[in-house]
């Protein structure tokens, strides 16, 4: 399931640098984190849904790559995003 528009706009407004920012690394990581938490809850009830499990692993890998990029570019932004979203190291 994709995120509904209201939830997506709320996340974008929280992590965006300005009002037109929708694709910065912080926004992408926040949106991926929301999808990951949804899929994690889904898989707790639907243990045999292997296609969603594969999708979850792809999302986690994509978020890991974005966080690695953010850490290399600006460590303070990395700490801010990590603490705000509760992502482990």
N, C-alpha and C. Protein backbone atom coordinates (compact mmCIF):
# COMPACT_ATOMS: atom_id res chain seq x y z
N UNK A 1 0.83 -1.18 0.00
CA UNK A 1 0.00 0.00 0.00
C UNK A 1 0.87 1.24 0.00
N UNK A 2 0.55 2.17 -0.84
CA UNK A 2 1.28 3.45 -0.89
C UNK A 2 0.77 4.35 0.23
N UNK A 3 1.59 5.33 0.58
CA UNK A 3 1.19 6.29 1.61
C UNK A 3 0.08 7.19 1.07
N UNK A 4 -0.87 7.53 1.92
CA UNK A 4 -1.90 8.46 1.47
C UNK A 4 -1.32 9.86 1.40
N UNK A 5 -1.97 10.71 0.65
CA UNK A 5 -1.43 12.03 0.33
C UNK A 5 -1.23 12.89 1.57
N UNK A 6 -2.15 12.83 2.49
CA UNK A 6 -2.04 13.68 3.68
C UNK A 6 -0.84 13.28 4.53
N UNK A 7 -0.65 11.99 4.72
CA UNK A 7 0.48 11.51 5.51
C UNK A 7 1.80 11.86 4.82
N UNK A 8 1.83 11.72 3.50
CA UNK A 8 3.02 12.03 2.74
C UNK A 8 3.37 13.52 2.84
N UNK A 9 2.38 14.38 2.71
CA UNK A 9 2.61 15.82 2.82
C UNK A 9 3.09 16.21 4.21
N UNK A 10 2.56 15.53 5.23
CA UNK A 10 2.99 15.79 6.60
C UNK A 10 4.47 15.46 6.79
N UNK A 11 4.89 14.32 6.25
CA UNK A 11 6.29 13.90 6.36
C UNK A 11 7.19 14.85 5.57
N UNK A 12 6.76 15.21 4.38
CA UNK A 12 7.55 16.12 3.54
C UNK A 12 7.71 17.47 4.22
N UNK A 13 6.63 18.00 4.79
CA UNK A 13 6.72 19.31 5.43
C UNK A 13 7.61 19.27 6.67
N UNK A 14 7.67 18.14 7.33
CA UNK A 14 8.50 18.03 8.53
C UNK A 14 9.99 18.00 8.19
N UNK A 15 10.37 17.33 7.11
CA UNK A 15 11.78 17.13 6.80
C UNK A 15 12.30 17.97 5.65
N UNK A 16 11.44 18.73 4.98
CA UNK A 16 11.87 19.53 3.83
C UNK A 16 12.66 20.74 4.27
N UNK A 17 13.58 21.17 3.40
CA UNK A 17 14.38 22.35 3.68
C UNK A 17 13.60 23.63 3.39
N UNK A 18 12.75 23.59 2.35
CA UNK A 18 11.88 24.71 2.04
C UNK A 18 10.55 24.15 1.53
N UNK A 19 9.63 25.01 1.13
CA UNK A 19 8.29 24.53 0.78
C UNK A 19 8.24 23.75 -0.53
N UNK A 20 9.23 23.91 -1.40
CA UNK A 20 9.24 23.19 -2.67
C UNK A 20 10.13 21.96 -2.66
N UNK A 21 10.74 21.66 -1.52
CA UNK A 21 11.66 20.53 -1.41
C UNK A 21 10.88 19.24 -1.20
N UNK A 22 10.94 18.36 -2.19
CA UNK A 22 10.27 17.07 -2.05
C UNK A 22 11.22 15.90 -2.28
N UNK A 23 12.44 16.16 -2.71
CA UNK A 23 13.32 15.07 -3.07
C UNK A 23 14.65 15.06 -2.38
N UNK A 24 14.82 15.86 -1.34
CA UNK A 24 16.10 15.85 -0.64
C UNK A 24 16.30 14.50 0.05
N UNK A 25 17.51 14.24 0.42
CA UNK A 25 17.85 12.95 1.02
C UNK A 25 17.06 12.72 2.30
N UNK A 26 16.90 13.76 3.11
CA UNK A 26 16.17 13.62 4.37
C UNK A 26 14.71 13.23 4.12
N UNK A 27 14.09 13.85 3.14
CA UNK A 27 12.69 13.55 2.82
C UNK A 27 12.57 12.12 2.30
N UNK A 28 13.48 11.72 1.43
CA UNK A 28 13.44 10.36 0.90
C UNK A 28 13.59 9.32 2.00
N UNK A 29 14.51 9.56 2.92
CA UNK A 29 14.73 8.63 4.03
C UNK A 29 13.49 8.57 4.93
N UNK A 30 12.87 9.70 5.18
CA UNK A 30 11.67 9.73 6.03
C UNK A 30 10.52 8.97 5.38
N UNK A 31 10.32 9.15 4.08
CA UNK A 31 9.25 8.44 3.39
C UNK A 31 9.52 6.94 3.35
N UNK A 32 10.77 6.57 3.12
CA UNK A 32 11.12 5.15 3.13
C UNK A 32 10.91 4.54 4.51
N UNK A 33 11.23 5.28 5.54
CA UNK A 33 11.05 4.78 6.90
C UNK A 33 9.59 4.53 7.20
N UNK A 34 8.73 5.42 6.73
CA UNK A 34 7.29 5.23 6.95
C UNK A 34 6.79 3.97 6.23
N UNK A 35 7.24 3.76 5.01
CA UNK A 35 6.85 2.55 4.27
C UNK A 35 7.40 1.30 4.93
N UNK A 36 8.61 1.38 5.47
CA UNK A 36 9.22 0.24 6.14
C UNK A 36 8.44 -0.13 7.39
N UNK A 37 8.03 0.86 8.16
CA UNK A 37 7.26 0.55 9.37
C UNK A 37 5.90 -0.05 9.02
N UNK A 38 5.28 0.44 7.94
CA UNK A 38 4.00 -0.15 7.51
C UNK A 38 4.19 -1.61 7.10
N UNK A 39 5.22 -1.88 6.31
CA UNK A 39 5.44 -3.25 5.85
C UNK A 39 5.83 -4.17 7.00
N UNK A 40 6.55 -3.65 7.97
CA UNK A 40 6.92 -4.46 9.13
C UNK A 40 5.68 -4.89 9.90
N UNK A 41 4.75 -3.97 10.11
CA UNK A 41 3.50 -4.32 10.78
C UNK A 41 2.68 -5.30 9.95
N UNK A 42 2.68 -5.11 8.64
CA UNK A 42 1.95 -6.02 7.75
C UNK A 42 2.50 -7.43 7.85
N UNK A 43 3.82 -7.54 7.90
CA UNK A 43 4.43 -8.87 7.94
C UNK A 43 4.30 -9.55 9.29
N UNK A 44 4.00 -8.79 10.34
CA UNK A 44 3.75 -9.42 11.63
C UNK A 44 2.45 -10.22 11.61
N UNK A 45 1.48 -9.74 10.83
CA UNK A 45 0.21 -10.46 10.75
C UNK A 45 0.15 -11.44 9.59
N UNK A 46 0.89 -11.16 8.52
CA UNK A 46 0.90 -12.01 7.33
C UNK A 46 2.29 -12.61 7.15
N UNK A 47 2.57 -13.63 7.92
CA UNK A 47 3.92 -14.18 7.98
C UNK A 47 4.35 -14.84 6.68
N UNK A 48 3.43 -15.29 5.85
CA UNK A 48 3.79 -16.01 4.63
C UNK A 48 3.81 -15.13 3.38
N UNK A 49 3.71 -13.85 3.54
CA UNK A 49 3.71 -12.92 2.42
C UNK A 49 5.16 -12.63 2.02
N UNK A 50 5.73 -13.53 1.23
CA UNK A 50 7.15 -13.43 0.91
C UNK A 50 7.46 -12.33 -0.10
N UNK A 51 6.53 -12.00 -0.96
CA UNK A 51 6.80 -10.93 -1.92
C UNK A 51 6.90 -9.58 -1.20
N UNK A 52 6.09 -9.37 -0.18
CA UNK A 52 6.22 -8.14 0.60
C UNK A 52 7.51 -8.13 1.40
N UNK A 53 7.96 -9.30 1.85
CA UNK A 53 9.21 -9.39 2.58
C UNK A 53 10.39 -8.99 1.68
N UNK A 54 10.35 -9.42 0.43
CA UNK A 54 11.40 -9.04 -0.52
C UNK A 54 11.37 -7.54 -0.77
N UNK A 55 10.17 -6.99 -0.92
CA UNK A 55 10.04 -5.54 -1.09
C UNK A 55 10.55 -4.78 0.12
N UNK A 56 10.29 -5.31 1.31
CA UNK A 56 10.79 -4.67 2.53
C UNK A 56 12.31 -4.66 2.55
N UNK A 57 12.93 -5.75 2.18
CA UNK A 57 14.39 -5.82 2.16
C UNK A 57 14.98 -4.84 1.14
N UNK A 58 14.31 -4.66 0.01
CA UNK A 58 14.77 -3.68 -0.97
C UNK A 58 14.67 -2.26 -0.43
N UNK A 59 13.58 -1.97 0.26
CA UNK A 59 13.42 -0.63 0.84
C UNK A 59 14.47 -0.36 1.91
N UNK A 60 14.76 -1.37 2.73
CA UNK A 60 15.77 -1.20 3.77
C UNK A 60 17.14 -0.95 3.14
N UNK A 61 17.45 -1.67 2.07
CA UNK A 61 18.72 -1.46 1.38
C UNK A 61 18.82 -0.08 0.76
N UNK A 62 17.72 0.39 0.19
CA UNK A 62 17.70 1.71 -0.42
C UNK A 62 17.90 2.79 0.65
N UNK A 63 17.22 2.62 1.79
CA UNK A 63 17.39 3.58 2.88
C UNK A 63 18.81 3.55 3.42
N UNK A 64 19.40 2.37 3.50
CA UNK A 64 20.78 2.25 3.97
C UNK A 64 21.74 3.00 3.05
N UNK A 65 21.53 2.86 1.74
CA UNK A 65 22.39 3.57 0.79
C UNK A 65 22.23 5.08 0.90
N UNK A 66 20.98 5.55 1.06
CA UNK A 66 20.76 6.99 1.22
C UNK A 66 21.39 7.52 2.51
N UNK A 67 21.29 6.74 3.58
CA UNK A 67 21.90 7.17 4.84
C UNK A 67 23.43 7.17 4.74
N UNK A 68 23.99 6.22 4.03
CA UNK A 68 25.44 6.21 3.83
C UNK A 68 25.88 7.45 3.05
N UNK A 69 25.11 7.80 2.02
CA UNK A 69 25.41 9.02 1.24
C UNK A 69 25.34 10.25 2.14
N UNK A 70 24.28 10.33 2.95
CA UNK A 70 24.10 11.48 3.81
C UNK A 70 25.23 11.58 4.84
N UNK A 71 25.68 10.44 5.34
CA UNK A 71 26.78 10.43 6.31
C UNK A 71 28.07 10.93 5.68
N UNK A 72 28.31 10.57 4.42
CA UNK A 72 29.52 11.02 3.73
C UNK A 72 29.47 12.50 3.37
N UNK A 73 28.27 13.01 3.08
CA UNK A 73 28.13 14.40 2.65
C UNK A 73 28.10 15.34 3.85
N UNK A 74 27.24 15.05 4.83
CA UNK A 74 27.08 15.96 5.97
C UNK A 74 26.69 15.15 7.21
N UNK A 75 27.64 14.98 8.11
CA UNK A 75 27.43 14.13 9.28
C UNK A 75 26.41 14.72 10.25
N UNK A 76 26.29 16.04 10.31
CA UNK A 76 25.31 16.63 11.24
C UNK A 76 23.88 16.37 10.76
N UNK A 77 23.65 16.49 9.45
CA UNK A 77 22.32 16.15 8.91
C UNK A 77 22.02 14.68 9.13
N UNK A 78 23.03 13.83 9.01
CA UNK A 78 22.86 12.39 9.22
C UNK A 78 22.41 12.13 10.66
N UNK A 79 23.06 12.78 11.63
CA UNK A 79 22.69 12.60 13.03
C UNK A 79 21.27 13.10 13.28
N UNK A 80 20.92 14.22 12.68
CA UNK A 80 19.58 14.78 12.86
C UNK A 80 18.51 13.83 12.36
N UNK A 81 18.70 13.30 11.16
CA UNK A 81 17.71 12.39 10.57
C UNK A 81 17.65 11.09 11.36
N UNK A 82 18.80 10.58 11.73
CA UNK A 82 18.86 9.31 12.47
C UNK A 82 18.13 9.43 13.80
N UNK A 83 18.34 10.52 14.50
CA UNK A 83 17.68 10.70 15.79
C UNK A 83 16.20 10.97 15.64
N UNK A 84 15.80 11.74 14.63
CA UNK A 84 14.40 12.07 14.45
C UNK A 84 13.56 10.85 14.06
N UNK A 85 14.15 9.94 13.29
CA UNK A 85 13.40 8.78 12.82
C UNK A 85 13.62 7.54 13.67
N UNK A 86 14.58 7.59 14.56
CA UNK A 86 14.86 6.43 15.41
C UNK A 86 15.52 5.30 14.67
N UNK A 87 16.37 5.64 13.71
CA UNK A 87 17.09 4.63 12.92
C UNK A 87 18.35 4.25 13.66
N UNK A 88 18.60 2.94 13.73
CA UNK A 88 19.84 2.50 14.35
C UNK A 88 21.01 2.77 13.43
N UNK A 89 22.21 2.72 13.97
CA UNK A 89 23.41 3.02 13.23
C UNK A 89 23.65 2.03 12.11
